[in-house]
PDB file of N, CA and C in Angstrom:
ATOM      1  N   MET A   1      44.874 102.893  -6.699  1.00  0.00           N
ATOM      2  CA  MET A   1      43.897 101.528  -6.031  1.00  0.00           C
ATOM      3  C   MET A   1      42.916 101.812  -5.092  1.00  0.00           C
ATOM      4  N   ASN A   2      41.313 100.945  -4.499  1.00  0.00           N
ATOM      5  CA  ASN A   2      40.384 101.455  -4.321  1.00  0.00           C
ATOM      6  C   ASN A   2      40.966 100.790  -3.285  1.00  0.00           C
ATOM      7  N   GLY A   3      39.289 100.559  -2.429  1.00  0.00           N
ATOM      8  CA  GLY A   3      40.216  99.850  -1.199  1.00  0.00           C
ATOM      9  C   GLY A   3      39.761  98.190  -1.067  1.00  0.00           C
ATOM     10  N   ILE A   4      39.226  98.393  -2.348  1.00  0.00           N
ATOM     11  CA  ILE A   4      38.645  96.411  -2.131  1.00  0.00           C
ATOM     12  C   ILE A   4      39.792  95.956  -2.776  1.00  0.00           C
ATOM     13  N   GLU A   5      40.941  96.575  -3.903  1.00  0.00           N
ATOM     14  CA  GLU A   5      41.961  95.721  -4.383  1.00  0.00           C
ATOM     15  C   GLU A   5      42.902  96.045  -3.105  1.00  0.00           C
ATOM     16  N   ALA A   6      42.842  96.990  -2.514  1.00  0.00           N
ATOM     17  CA  ALA A   6      43.974  96.919  -1.082  1.00  0.00           C
ATOM     18  C   ALA A   6      43.499  95.386  -0.524  1.00  0.00           C
ATOM     19  N   ILE A   7      42.030  95.773   0.826  1.00  0.00           N
ATOM     20  CA  ILE A   7      41.967  94.172   0.803  1.00  0.00           C
ATOM     21  C   ILE A   7      42.214  92.715   0.614  1.00  0.00           C
ATOM     22  N   SER A   8      41.456  93.201  -1.093  1.00  0.00           N
ATOM     23  CA  SER A   8      42.689  91.657  -1.637  1.00  0.00           C
ATOM     24  C   SER A   8      43.509  91.302  -1.376  1.00  0.00           C
ATOM     25  N   SER A   9      44.610  92.205  -1.586  1.00  0.00           N
ATOM     26  CA  SER A   9      46.407  91.824  -1.829  1.00  0.00           C
ATOM     27  C   SER A   9      46.348  92.090  -0.273  1.00  0.00           C
ATOM     28  N   VAL A  10      46.525  92.753   0.506  1.00  0.00           N
ATOM     29  CA  VAL A  10      46.673  91.828   2.210  1.00  0.00           C
ATOM     30  C   VAL A  10      46.179  90.750   2.156  1.00  0.00           C
ATOM     31  N   THR A  11      44.491  90.397   1.864  1.00  0.00           N
ATOM     32  CA  THR A  11      43.720  88.723   2.293  1.00  0.00           C
ATOM     33  C   THR A  11      45.363  87.952   1.157  1.00  0.00           C
ATOM     34  N   SER A  12      45.460  88.101  -0.198  1.00  0.00           N
ATOM     35  CA  SER A  12      46.426  87.571  -0.615  1.00  0.00           C
ATOM     36  C   SER A  12      47.635  87.472  -0.578  1.00  0.00           C
ATOM     37  N   ALA A  13      48.585  88.089   0.259  1.00  0.00           N
ATOM     38  CA  ALA A  13      49.542  88.150   1.200  1.00  0.00           C
ATOM     39  C   ALA A  13      49.275  86.917   1.805  1.00  0.00           C
ATOM     40  N   THR A  14      48.313  87.220   2.965  1.00  0.00           N
ATOM     41  CA  THR A  14      47.966  86.281   3.854  1.00  0.00           C
ATOM     42  C   THR A  14      47.763  85.136   3.840  1.00  0.00           C
ATOM     43  N   GLN A  15      47.694  84.738   2.124  1.00  0.00           N
ATOM     44  CA  GLN A  15      47.018  83.247   2.063  1.00  0.00           C
ATOM     45  C   GLN A  15      47.661  82.402   1.803  1.00  0.00           C
ATOM     46  N   ILE A  16      49.125  83.395   1.614  1.00  0.00           N
ATOM     47  CA  ILE A  16      50.444  82.278   0.910  1.00  0.00           C
ATOM     48  C   ILE A  16      51.274  81.207   2.574  1.00  0.00           C
ATOM     49  N   THR A  17      51.391  80.295   2.345  1.00  0.00           N
ATOM     50  CA  THR A  17      51.972  79.213   2.792  1.00  0.00           C
ATOM     51  C   THR A  17      53.522  79.904   3.684  1.00  0.00           C
ATOM     52  N   MET A  18      53.725  79.654   4.448  1.00  0.00           N
ATOM     53  CA  MET A  18      55.241  79.762   5.005  1.00  0.00           C
ATOM     54  C   MET A  18      55.393  78.080   4.999  1.00  0.00           C
ATOM     55  N   GLY A  19      54.856  77.140   4.388  1.00  0.00           N
ATOM     56  CA  GLY A  19      55.580  76.242   3.742  1.00  0.00           C
ATOM     57  C   GLY A  19      56.297  76.438   2.504  1.00  0.00           C
ATOM     58  N   ASN A  20      55.663  76.813   1.618  1.00  0.00           N
ATOM     59  CA  ASN A  20      56.121  77.349   0.348  1.00  0.00           C
ATOM     60  C   ASN A  20      56.578  77.831   0.042  1.00  0.00           C
ATOM     61  N   LEU A  21      56.972  78.615   1.302  1.00  0.00           N
ATOM     62  CA  LEU A  21      58.436  79.598   0.624  1.00  0.00           C
ATOM     63  C   LEU A  21      60.123  79.261   1.120  1.00  0.00           C
ATOM     64  N   GLY A  22      60.451  80.066   0.215  1.00  0.00           N
ATOM     65  CA  GLY A  22      62.225  80.350   0.101  1.00  0.00           C
ATOM     66  C   GLY A  22      62.560  80.711   1.503  1.00  0.00           C
ATOM     67  N   SER A  23      63.257  80.719   2.433  1.00  0.00           N
ATOM     68  CA  SER A  23      63.649  81.928   3.303  1.00  0.00           C
ATOM     69  C   SER A  23      64.192  82.381   3.040  1.00  0.00           C
ATOM     70  N   SER A  24      64.326  83.309   1.715  1.00  0.00           N
ATOM     71  CA  SER A  24      63.787  84.995   1.567  1.00  0.00           C
ATOM     72  C   SER A  24      62.919  84.833   1.236  1.00  0.00           C
ATOM     73  N   GLN A  25      62.310  85.257   0.761  1.00  0.00           N
ATOM     74  CA  GLN A  25      60.857  85.007   0.008  1.00  0.00           C
ATOM     75  C   GLN A  25      60.208  85.634   2.370  1.00  0.00           C
ATOM     76  N   ALA A  26      60.563  83.849   2.796  1.00  0.00           N
ATOM     77  CA  ALA A  26      59.754  84.284   4.158  1.00  0.00           C
ATOM     78  C   ALA A  26      60.388  85.266   5.110  1.00  0.00           C
ATOM     79  N   ALA A  27      61.241  85.643   4.789  1.00  0.00           N
ATOM     80  CA  ALA A  27      62.060  86.710   5.355  1.00  0.00           C
ATOM     81  C   ALA A  27      61.250  88.448   4.680  1.00  0.00           C
ATOM     82  N   GLN A  28      60.946  87.928   3.372  1.00  0.00           N
ATOM     83  CA  GLN A  28      60.339  89.969   3.017  1.00  0.00           C
ATOM     84  C   GLN A  28      58.332  89.572   3.482  1.00  0.00           C
ATOM     85  N   LEU A  29      58.399  88.398   4.283  1.00  0.00           N
ATOM     86  CA  LEU A  29      56.523  88.459   3.474  1.00  0.00           C
ATOM     87  C   LEU A  29      56.073  89.358   4.922  1.00  0.00           C
ATOM     88  N   PRO A  30      56.505  89.175   5.687  1.00  0.00           N
ATOM     89  CA  PRO A  30      56.317  90.652   7.283  1.00  0.00           C
ATOM     90  C   PRO A  30      56.411  92.022   6.400  1.00  0.00           C
ATOM     91  N   ASN A  31      57.469  91.779   5.562  1.00  0.00           N
ATOM     92  CA  ASN A  31      56.939  93.163   4.710  1.00  0.00           C
ATOM     93  C   ASN A  31      55.886  93.182   4.338  1.00  0.00           C
ATOM     94  N   ALA A  32      55.606  93.090   3.591  1.00  0.00           N
ATOM     95  CA  ALA A  32      54.696  92.992   2.218  1.00  0.00           C
ATOM     96  C   ALA A  32      53.720  92.600   3.073  1.00  0.00           C
ATOM     97  N   VAL A  33      53.622  92.622   3.529  1.00  0.00           N
ATOM     98  CA  VAL A  33      51.996  92.673   4.351  1.00  0.00           C
ATOM     99  C   VAL A  33      52.098  94.115   5.441  1.00  0.00           C
ATOM    100  N   GLN A  34      53.185  93.872   6.364  1.00  0.00           N
ATOM    101  CA  GLN A  34      53.021  95.719   5.847  1.00  0.00           C
ATOM    102  C   GLN A  34      52.489  96.913   4.922  1.00  0.00           C
ATOM    103  N   GLN A  35      52.668  96.558   4.562  1.00  0.00           N
ATOM    104  CA  GLN A  35      53.191  97.164   3.491  1.00  0.00           C
ATOM    105  C   GLN A  35      52.052  97.725   3.031  1.00  0.00           C
ATOM    106  N   SER A  36      51.561  96.181   2.222  1.00  0.00           N
ATOM    107  CA  SER A  36      48.979  96.848   2.101  1.00  0.00           C
ATOM    108  C   SER A  36      48.882  96.744   3.664  1.00  0.00           C
ATOM    109  N   SER A  37      49.214  96.579   4.723  1.00  0.00           N
ATOM    110  CA  SER A  37      48.166  96.873   5.601  1.00  0.00           C
ATOM    111  C   SER A  37      48.870  97.952   5.857  1.00  0.00           C
ATOM    112  N   ASP A  38      49.952  98.940   5.158  1.00  0.00           N
ATOM    113  CA  ASP A  38      49.474 100.452   5.301  1.00  0.00           C
ATOM    114  C   ASP A  38      48.741 100.991   4.297  1.00  0.00           C
ATOM    115  N   LEU A  39      48.894 100.164   3.237  1.00  0.00           N
ATOM    116  CA  LEU A  39      47.822 101.096   2.016  1.00  0.00           C
ATOM    117  C   LEU A  39      46.752 100.744   2.580  1.00  0.00           C
ATOM    118  N   ALA A  40      46.331  99.991   2.866  1.00  0.00           N
ATOM    119  CA  ALA A  40      44.611  99.986   2.772  1.00  0.00           C
ATOM    120  C   ALA A  40      44.107 100.592   4.154  1.00  0.00           C
ATOM    121  N   THR A  41      45.230 100.895   5.426  1.00  0.00           N
ATOM    122  CA  THR A  41      45.175 102.127   5.972  1.00  0.00           C
ATOM    123  C   THR A  41      44.484 103.847   5.500  1.00  0.00           C
ATOM    124  N   SER A  42      45.465 103.713   5.108  1.00  0.00           N
ATOM    125  CA  SER A  42      45.871 104.494   3.960  1.00  0.00           C
ATOM    126  C   SER A  42      44.405 105.635   3.144  1.00  0.00           C
ATOM    127  N   ASN A  43      44.551 104.630   2.503  1.00  0.00           N
ATOM    128  CA  ASN A  43      43.008 104.275   1.577  1.00  0.00           C
ATOM    129  C   ASN A  43      41.324 104.513   2.386  1.00  0.00           C
ATOM    130  N   PHE A  44      41.675 103.900   3.882  1.00  0.00           N
ATOM    131  CA  PHE A  44      40.394 103.947   4.084  1.00  0.00           C
ATOM    132  C   PHE A  44      40.136 104.974   5.208  1.00  0.00           C
ATOM    133  N   GLY A  45      41.440 105.226   5.565  1.00  0.00           N
ATOM    134  CA  GLY A  45      41.227 107.518   5.801  1.00  0.00           C
ATOM    135  C   GLY A  45      41.457 108.345   4.638  1.00  0.00           C
ATOM    136  N   LYS A  46      41.968 108.145   3.519  1.00  0.00           N
ATOM    137  CA  LYS A  46      41.230 109.029   2.671  1.00  0.00           C
ATOM    138  C   LYS A  46      40.023 108.848   2.178  1.00  0.00           C
ATOM    139  N   MET A  47      39.805 107.576   2.923  1.00  0.00           N
ATOM    140  CA  MET A  47      37.957 107.270   2.198  1.00  0.00           C
ATOM    141  C   MET A  47      37.791 107.883   3.504  1.00  0.00           C
ATOM    142  N   MET A  48      37.177 107.940   4.018  1.00  0.00           N
ATOM    143  CA  MET A  48      37.099 108.330   4.897  1.00  0.00           C
ATOM    144  C   MET A  48      37.259 109.878   5.303  1.00  0.00           C
ATOM    145  N   SER A  49      37.680 110.340   5.340  1.00  0.00           N
ATOM    146  CA  SER A  49      38.008 111.852   5.639  1.00  0.00           C
ATOM    147  C   SER A  49      37.130 112.060   3.758  1.00  0.00           C
ATOM    148  N   ASP A  50      37.460 112.070   2.791  1.00  0.00           N
ATOM    149  CA  ASP A  50      36.555 112.137   1.277  1.00  0.00           C
ATOM    150  C   ASP A  50      35.484 112.570   1.530  1.00  0.00           C
ATOM    151  N   GLY A  51      34.911 111.432   2.372  1.00  0.00           N
ATOM    152  CA  GLY A  51      32.833 111.119   2.655  1.00  0.00           C
ATOM    153  C   GLY A  51      33.358 112.305   3.566  1.00  0.00           C
ATOM    154  N   ILE A  52      33.603 112.307   4.588  1.00  0.00           N
ATOM    155  CA  ILE A  52      33.124 113.519   5.737  1.00  0.00           C
ATOM    156  C   ILE A  52      32.662 115.123   4.963  1.00  0.00           C
ATOM    157  N   ALA A  53      34.462 115.393   3.627  1.00  0.00           N
ATOM    158  CA  ALA A  53      34.149 116.611   3.081  1.00  0.00           C
ATOM    159  C   ALA A  53      32.927 116.816   1.958  1.00  0.00           C
ATOM    160  N   ASN A  54      32.448 115.589   1.542  1.00  0.00           N
ATOM    161  CA  ASN A  54      31.163 115.457   1.072  1.00  0.00           C
ATOM    162  C   ASN A  54      30.014 115.908   1.564  1.00  0.00           C
ATOM    163  N   VAL A  55      30.296 115.099   2.951  1.00  0.00           N
ATOM    164  CA  VAL A  55      28.991 115.344   3.490  1.00  0.00           C
ATOM    165  C   VAL A  55      29.165 117.377   4.525  1.00  0.00           C
ATOM    166  N   ASP A  56      29.530 117.743   4.412  1.00  0.00           N
ATOM    167  CA  ASP A  56      30.458 118.619   4.928  1.00  0.00           C
ATOM    168  C   ASP A  56      30.095 119.668   3.343  1.00  0.00           C
ATOM    169  N   GLY A  57      30.569 118.881   1.946  1.00  0.00           N
ATOM    170  CA  GLY A  57      30.101 120.390   1.094  1.00  0.00           C
ATOM    171  C   GLY A  57      27.891 120.201   1.171  1.00  0.00           C
ATOM    172  N   LYS A  58      27.921 119.376   0.688  1.00  0.00           N
ATOM    173  CA  LYS A  58      26.642 119.376   1.007  1.00  0.00           C
ATOM    174  C   LYS A  58      25.940 120.634   1.197  1.00  0.00           C
ATOM    175  N   VAL A  59      26.300 120.419   3.071  1.00  0.00           N
ATOM    176  CA  VAL A  59      25.893 121.237   3.882  1.00  0.00           C
ATOM    177  C   VAL A  59      25.599 122.560   4.123  1.00  0.00           C
ATOM    178  N   ALA A  60      27.188 123.021   3.414  1.00  0.00           N
ATOM    179  CA  ALA A  60      26.922 124.434   3.376  1.00  0.00           C
ATOM    180  C   ALA A  60      26.812 124.685   1.814  1.00  0.00           C
ATOM    181  N   ARG A  61      26.404 123.674   0.692  1.00  0.00           N
ATOM    182  CA  ARG A  61      25.704 124.534  -0.803  1.00  0.00           C
ATOM    183  C   ARG A  61      24.276 124.337   0.089  1.00  0.00           C
ATOM    184  N   ALA A  62      23.810 123.049   1.387  1.00  0.00           N
ATOM    185  CA  ALA A  62      22.161 123.610   1.540  1.00  0.00           C
ATOM    186  C   ALA A  62      22.828 125.034   2.169  1.00  0.00           C
ATOM    187  N   ASP A  63      22.798 125.659   3.164  1.00  0.00           N
ATOM    188  CA  ASP A  63      23.315 126.767   4.314  1.00  0.00           C
ATOM    189  C   ASP A  63      23.414 128.092   2.981  1.00  0.00           C
ATOM    190  N   ASP A  64      23.815 127.724   1.303  1.00  0.00           N
ATOM    191  CA  ASP A  64      23.997 128.725   1.239  1.00  0.00           C
ATOM    192  C   ASP A  64      22.966 129.678   0.150  1.00  0.00           C
ATOM    193  N   LEU A  65      22.268 128.297  -0.242  1.00  0.00           N
ATOM    194  CA  LEU A  65      21.028 127.988  -1.550  1.00  0.00           C
ATOM    195  C   LEU A  65      19.967 128.634  -0.511  1.00  0.00           C
ATOM    196  N   VAL A  66      19.791 128.706   0.989  1.00  0.00           N
ATOM    197  CA  VAL A  66      19.404 128.892   1.890  1.00  0.00           C
ATOM    198  C   VAL A  66      18.638 130.513   2.711  1.00  0.00           C
ATOM    199  N   ALA A  67      20.292 131.099   2.354  1.00  0.00           N
ATOM    200  CA  ALA A  67      20.595 132.477   2.477  1.00  0.00           C
ATOM    201  C   ALA A  67      20.222 132.914   1.496  1.00  0.00           C
ATOM    202  N   ARG A  68      20.900 132.406   0.504  1.00  0.00           N
ATOM    203  CA  ARG A  68      20.413 132.879  -0.539  1.00  0.00           C
ATOM    204  C   ARG A  68      18.477 133.500  -1.560  1.00  0.00           C
ATOM    205  N   PHE A  69      18.138 132.264  -1.244  1.00  0.00           N
ATOM    206  CA  PHE A  69      16.809 132.316  -0.680  1.00  0.00           C
ATOM    207  C   PHE A  69      15.966 133.488   0.447  1.00  0.00           C
ATOM    208  N   VAL A  70      16.854 133.452   1.250  1.00  0.00           N
ATOM    209  CA  VAL A  70      15.518 134.254   2.261  1.00  0.00           C
ATOM    210  C   VAL A  70      16.432 136.324   1.900  1.00  0.00           C
ATOM    211  N   VAL A  71      17.295 135.692   1.258  1.00  0.00           N
ATOM    212  CA  VAL A  71      17.837 137.377   0.849  1.00  0.00           C
ATOM    213  C   VAL A  71      17.001 138.047  -0.483  1.00  0.00           C
ATOM    214  N   ASP A  72      16.623 136.887  -1.732  1.00  0.00           N
ATOM    215  CA  ASP A  72      16.256 137.337  -3.102  1.00  0.00           C
ATOM    216  C   ASP A  72      15.388 136.268  -3.133  1.00  0.00           C
ATOM    217  N   ASN A  73      14.267 136.675  -4.239  1.00  0.00           N
ATOM    218  CA  ASN A  73      13.752 135.387  -4.164  1.00  0.00           C
ATOM    219  C   ASN A  73      13.022 134.718  -5.649  1.00  0.00           C
ATOM    220  N   THR A  74      14.955 135.233  -6.537  1.00  0.00           N
ATOM    221  CA  THR A  74      15.652 134.453  -7.555  1.00  0.00           C
ATOM    222  C   THR A  74      16.006 133.143  -7.998  1.00  0.00           C
ATOM    223  N   THR A  75      16.770 132.551  -6.222  1.00  0.00           N
ATOM    224  CA  THR A  75      16.631 130.916  -6.038  1.00  0.00           C
ATOM    225  C   THR A  75      15.355 130.212  -6.008  1.00  0.00           C
ATOM    226  N   PRO A  76      15.064 129.458  -6.994  1.00  0.00           N
ATOM    227  CA  PRO A  76      14.557 128.878  -7.172  1.00  0.00           C
ATOM    228  C   PRO A  76      14.084 127.939  -6.649  1.00  0.00           C
ATOM    229  N   ILE A  77      13.254 127.549  -5.345  1.00  0.00           N
ATOM    230  CA  ILE A  77      12.228 126.970  -3.804  1.00  0.00           C
ATOM    231  C   ILE A  77      13.176 125.104  -4.555  1.00  0.00           C
ATOM    232  N   HIS A  78      12.822 124.474  -5.523  1.00  0.00           N
ATOM    233  CA  HIS A  78      13.109 124.179  -5.361  1.00  0.00           C
ATOM    234  C   HIS A  78      13.919 123.307  -5.430  1.00  0.00           C
ATOM    235  N   HIS A  79      15.476 124.057  -5.838  1.00  0.00           N
ATOM    236  CA  HIS A  79      16.747 124.004  -5.723  1.00  0.00           C
ATOM    237  C   HIS A  79      17.268 124.097  -3.846  1.00  0.00           C
ATOM    238  N   VAL A  80      16.604 125.147  -3.833  1.00  0.00           N
ATOM    239  CA  VAL A  80      16.902 124.799  -2.198  1.00  0.00           C
ATOM    240  C   VAL A  80      16.515 123.599  -1.062  1.00  0.00           C
ATOM    241  N   THR A  81      14.516 123.169  -1.428  1.00  0.00           N
ATOM    242  CA  THR A  81      14.455 121.550  -1.556  1.00  0.00           C
ATOM    243  C   THR A  81      15.196 120.496  -1.429  1.00  0.00           C
ATOM    244  N   VAL A  82      15.857 120.560  -2.579  1.00  0.00           N
ATOM    245  CA  VAL A  82      16.881 119.388  -2.583  1.00  0.00           C
ATOM    246  C   VAL A  82      18.138 119.925  -2.649  1.00  0.00           C
ATOM    247  N   ALA A  83      19.148 120.390  -1.875  1.00  0.00           N
ATOM    248  CA  ALA A  83      20.143 121.026  -1.900  1.00  0.00           C
ATOM    249  C   ALA A  83      19.781 120.191  -0.246  1.00  0.00           C
ATOM    250  N   LEU A  84      18.909 120.859   0.598  1.00  0.00           N
ATOM    251  CA  LEU A  84      18.540 120.435   2.221  1.00  0.00           C
ATOM    252  C   LEU A  84      18.203 119.007   2.166  1.00  0.00           C
ATOM    253  N   GLU A  85      17.537 118.238   1.400  1.00  0.00           N
ATOM    254  CA  GLU A  85      17.179 117.192   1.507  1.00  0.00           C
ATOM    255  C   GLU A  85      18.652 116.095   1.006  1.00  0.00           C
ATOM    256  N   GLU A  86      19.032 116.106   0.450  1.00  0.00           N
ATOM    257  CA  GLU A  86      21.059 116.268   0.323  1.00  0.00           C
ATOM    258  C   GLU A  86      21.491 115.604   1.156  1.00  0.00           C
ATOM    259  N   ALA A  87      21.942 117.194   1.154  1.00  0.00           N
ATOM    260  CA  ALA A  87      22.264 117.392   3.066  1.00  0.00           C
ATOM    261  C   ALA A  87      21.696 116.494   4.404  1.00  0.00           C
ATOM    262  N   ARG A  88      20.710 116.445   4.583  1.00  0.00           N
ATOM    263  CA  ARG A  88      19.882 115.948   5.676  1.00  0.00           C
ATOM    264  C   ARG A  88      20.499 114.432   5.440  1.00  0.00           C
ATOM    265  N   MET A  89      20.735 113.838   4.264  1.00  0.00           N
ATOM    266  CA  MET A  89      20.291 112.409   3.687  1.00  0.00           C
ATOM    267  C   MET A  89      21.910 111.933   4.537  1.00  0.00           C
ATOM    268  N   ALA A  90      22.466 112.894   3.644  1.00  0.00           N
ATOM    269  CA  ALA A  90      24.466 112.664   3.622  1.00  0.00           C
ATOM    270  C   ALA A  90      24.706 113.014   5.017  1.00  0.00           C
ATOM    271  N   VAL A  91      24.051 113.371   6.714  1.00  0.00           N
ATOM    272  CA  VAL A  91      24.156 113.819   7.472  1.00  0.00           C
ATOM    273  C   VAL A  91      24.061 112.379   8.030  1.00  0.00           C
ATOM    274  N   GLU A  92      23.209 111.767   7.189  1.00  0.00           N
ATOM    275  CA  GLU A  92      21.838 110.139   8.139  1.00  0.00           C
ATOM    276  C   GLU A  92      23.236 109.628   7.430  1.00  0.00           C
ATOM    277  N   LEU A  93      23.544 109.209   6.205  1.00  0.00           N
ATOM    278  CA  LEU A  93      24.797 108.160   6.847  1.00  0.00           C
ATOM    279  C   LEU A  93      25.782 108.319   6.835  1.00  0.00           C
ATOM    280  N   ALA A  94      25.911 110.225   7.315  1.00  0.00           N
ATOM    281  CA  ALA A  94      27.875 110.092   7.698  1.00  0.00           C
ATOM    282  C   ALA A  94      27.313 108.982   9.227  1.00  0.00           C
ATOM    283  N   THR A  95      26.019 109.352  10.238  1.00  0.00           N
ATOM    284  CA  THR A  95      25.941 109.037  11.522  1.00  0.00           C
ATOM    285  C   THR A  95      25.494 107.739  11.578  1.00  0.00           C
ATOM    286  N   GLN A  96      24.921 107.126  10.566  1.00  0.00           N
ATOM    287  CA  GLN A  96      24.797 105.664  10.396  1.00  0.00           C
ATOM    288  C   GLN A  96      26.557 104.592  10.285  1.00  0.00           C
ATOM    289  N   VAL A  97      26.725 105.683   9.440  1.00  0.00           N
ATOM    290  CA  VAL A  97      28.355 104.253   9.253  1.00  0.00           C
ATOM    291  C   VAL A  97      29.046 104.738  10.825  1.00  0.00           C
ATOM    292  N   ARG A  98      29.337 106.124  11.295  1.00  0.00           N
ATOM    293  CA  ARG A  98      29.722 106.001  12.060  1.00  0.00           C
ATOM    294  C   ARG A  98      28.916 105.820  13.297  1.00  0.00           C
ATOM    295  N   GLN A  99      27.331 104.623  13.455  1.00  0.00           N
ATOM    296  CA  GLN A  99      27.283 104.144  14.234  1.00  0.00           C
ATOM    297  C   GLN A  99      27.266 102.182  14.169  1.00  0.00           C
ATOM    298  N   ARG A 100      27.512 102.156  13.260  1.00  0.00           N
ATOM    299  CA  ARG A 100      28.420 101.233  12.829  1.00  0.00           C
ATOM    300  C   ARG A 100      29.771 100.505  12.950  1.00  0.00           C
ATOM    301  N   LEU A 101      30.158 101.565  12.870  1.00  0.00           N
ATOM    302  CA  LEU A 101      31.786 101.333  13.087  1.00  0.00           C
ATOM    303  C   LEU A 101      32.026 101.533  14.628  1.00  0.00           C
ATOM    304  N   THR A 102      31.293 102.486  15.008  1.00  0.00           N
ATOM    305  CA  THR A 102      31.439 101.981  16.724  1.00  0.00           C
ATOM    306  C   THR A 102      31.190 100.800  17.187  1.00  0.00           C
ATOM    307  N   GLU A 103      30.215 100.713  16.859  1.00  0.00           N
ATOM    308  CA  GLU A 103      29.461  99.309  17.083  1.00  0.00           C
ATOM    309  C   GLU A 103      30.730  97.530  16.706  1.00  0.00           C
ATOM    310  N   GLY A 104      30.891  98.209  15.595  1.00  0.00           N
ATOM    311  CA  GLY A 104      31.817  96.972  14.889  1.00  0.00           C
ATOM    312  C   GLY A 104      33.215  97.209  16.373  1.00  0.00           C
ATOM    313  N   TYR A 105      33.897  97.721  16.583  1.00  0.00           N
ATOM    314  CA  TYR A 105      35.154  98.301  17.461  1.00  0.00           C
ATOM    315  C   TYR A 105      34.504  98.048  18.719  1.00  0.00           C
ATOM    316  N   ARG A 106      33.530  98.224  19.038  1.00  0.00           N
ATOM    317  CA  ARG A 106      32.864  97.981  20.509  1.00  0.00           C
ATOM    318  C   ARG A 106      33.411  95.818  20.834  1.00  0.00           C
ATOM    319  N   GLN A 107      32.756  96.014  19.660  1.00  0.00           N
ATOM    320  CA  GLN A 107      32.515  94.293  19.738  1.00  0.00           C
ATOM    321  C   GLN A 107      33.502  93.312  19.625  1.00  0.00           C
ATOM    322  N   LEU A 108      35.332  94.165  18.636  1.00  0.00           N
ATOM    323  CA  LEU A 108      36.320  93.677  18.585  1.00  0.00           C
ATOM    324  C   LEU A 108      36.829  93.767  19.727  1.00  0.00           C
ATOM    325  N   MET A 109      36.633  94.828  20.338  1.00  0.00           N
ATOM    326  CA  MET A 109      36.980  95.014  22.271  1.00  0.00           C
ATOM    327  C   MET A 109      36.859  93.788  22.911  1.00  0.00           C
ATOM    328  N   ASN A 110      35.372  93.270  22.736  1.00  0.00           N
ATOM    329  CA  ASN A 110      34.838  92.744  24.067  1.00  0.00           C
ATOM    330  C   ASN A 110      34.865  91.443  23.758  1.00  0.00           C
ATOM    331  N   MET A 111      35.931  91.219  22.684  1.00  0.00           N
ATOM    332  CA  MET A 111      36.208  89.801  22.362  1.00  0.00           C
ATOM    333  C   MET A 111      36.829  89.255  22.850  1.00  0.00           C
ATOM    334  N   GLN A 112      36.558  87.819  23.551  1.00  0.00           N
ATOM    335  CA  GLN A 112      37.815  86.637  24.374  1.00  0.00           C
ATOM    336  C   GLN A 112      39.076  85.947  23.654  1.00  0.00           C
ATOM    337  N   LEU A 113      40.356  86.360  24.037  1.00  0.00           N
ATOM    338  CA  LEU A 113      41.032  85.817  23.704  1.00  0.00           C
ATOM    339  C   LEU A 113      41.691  84.319  23.911  1.00  0.00           C
TER     340      LEU A 113
END
């Protein structure tokens, strides 16, 4: 189940009105919502850690190509340049995602109840 399916399962579970539920179904609703929420949280956490691992892999590959290029001239310069640009863009994207998540968290914390 991808992140969008997890979000839709949480949304569909919360759209059920309590008036349409029997007493046994109403008792099971908090458990279903909690399980969906746990699934969405674990999927989001996995997605974030996979993204960070991907960025780390691109940076490590670029470092390796630069080191091989410096030691011997068998590594083409265009491979090094492409790897460095991919690593730079991946780090920039990760920085932007972190900034947007932090900004969203701050806005949620500053909301008046």
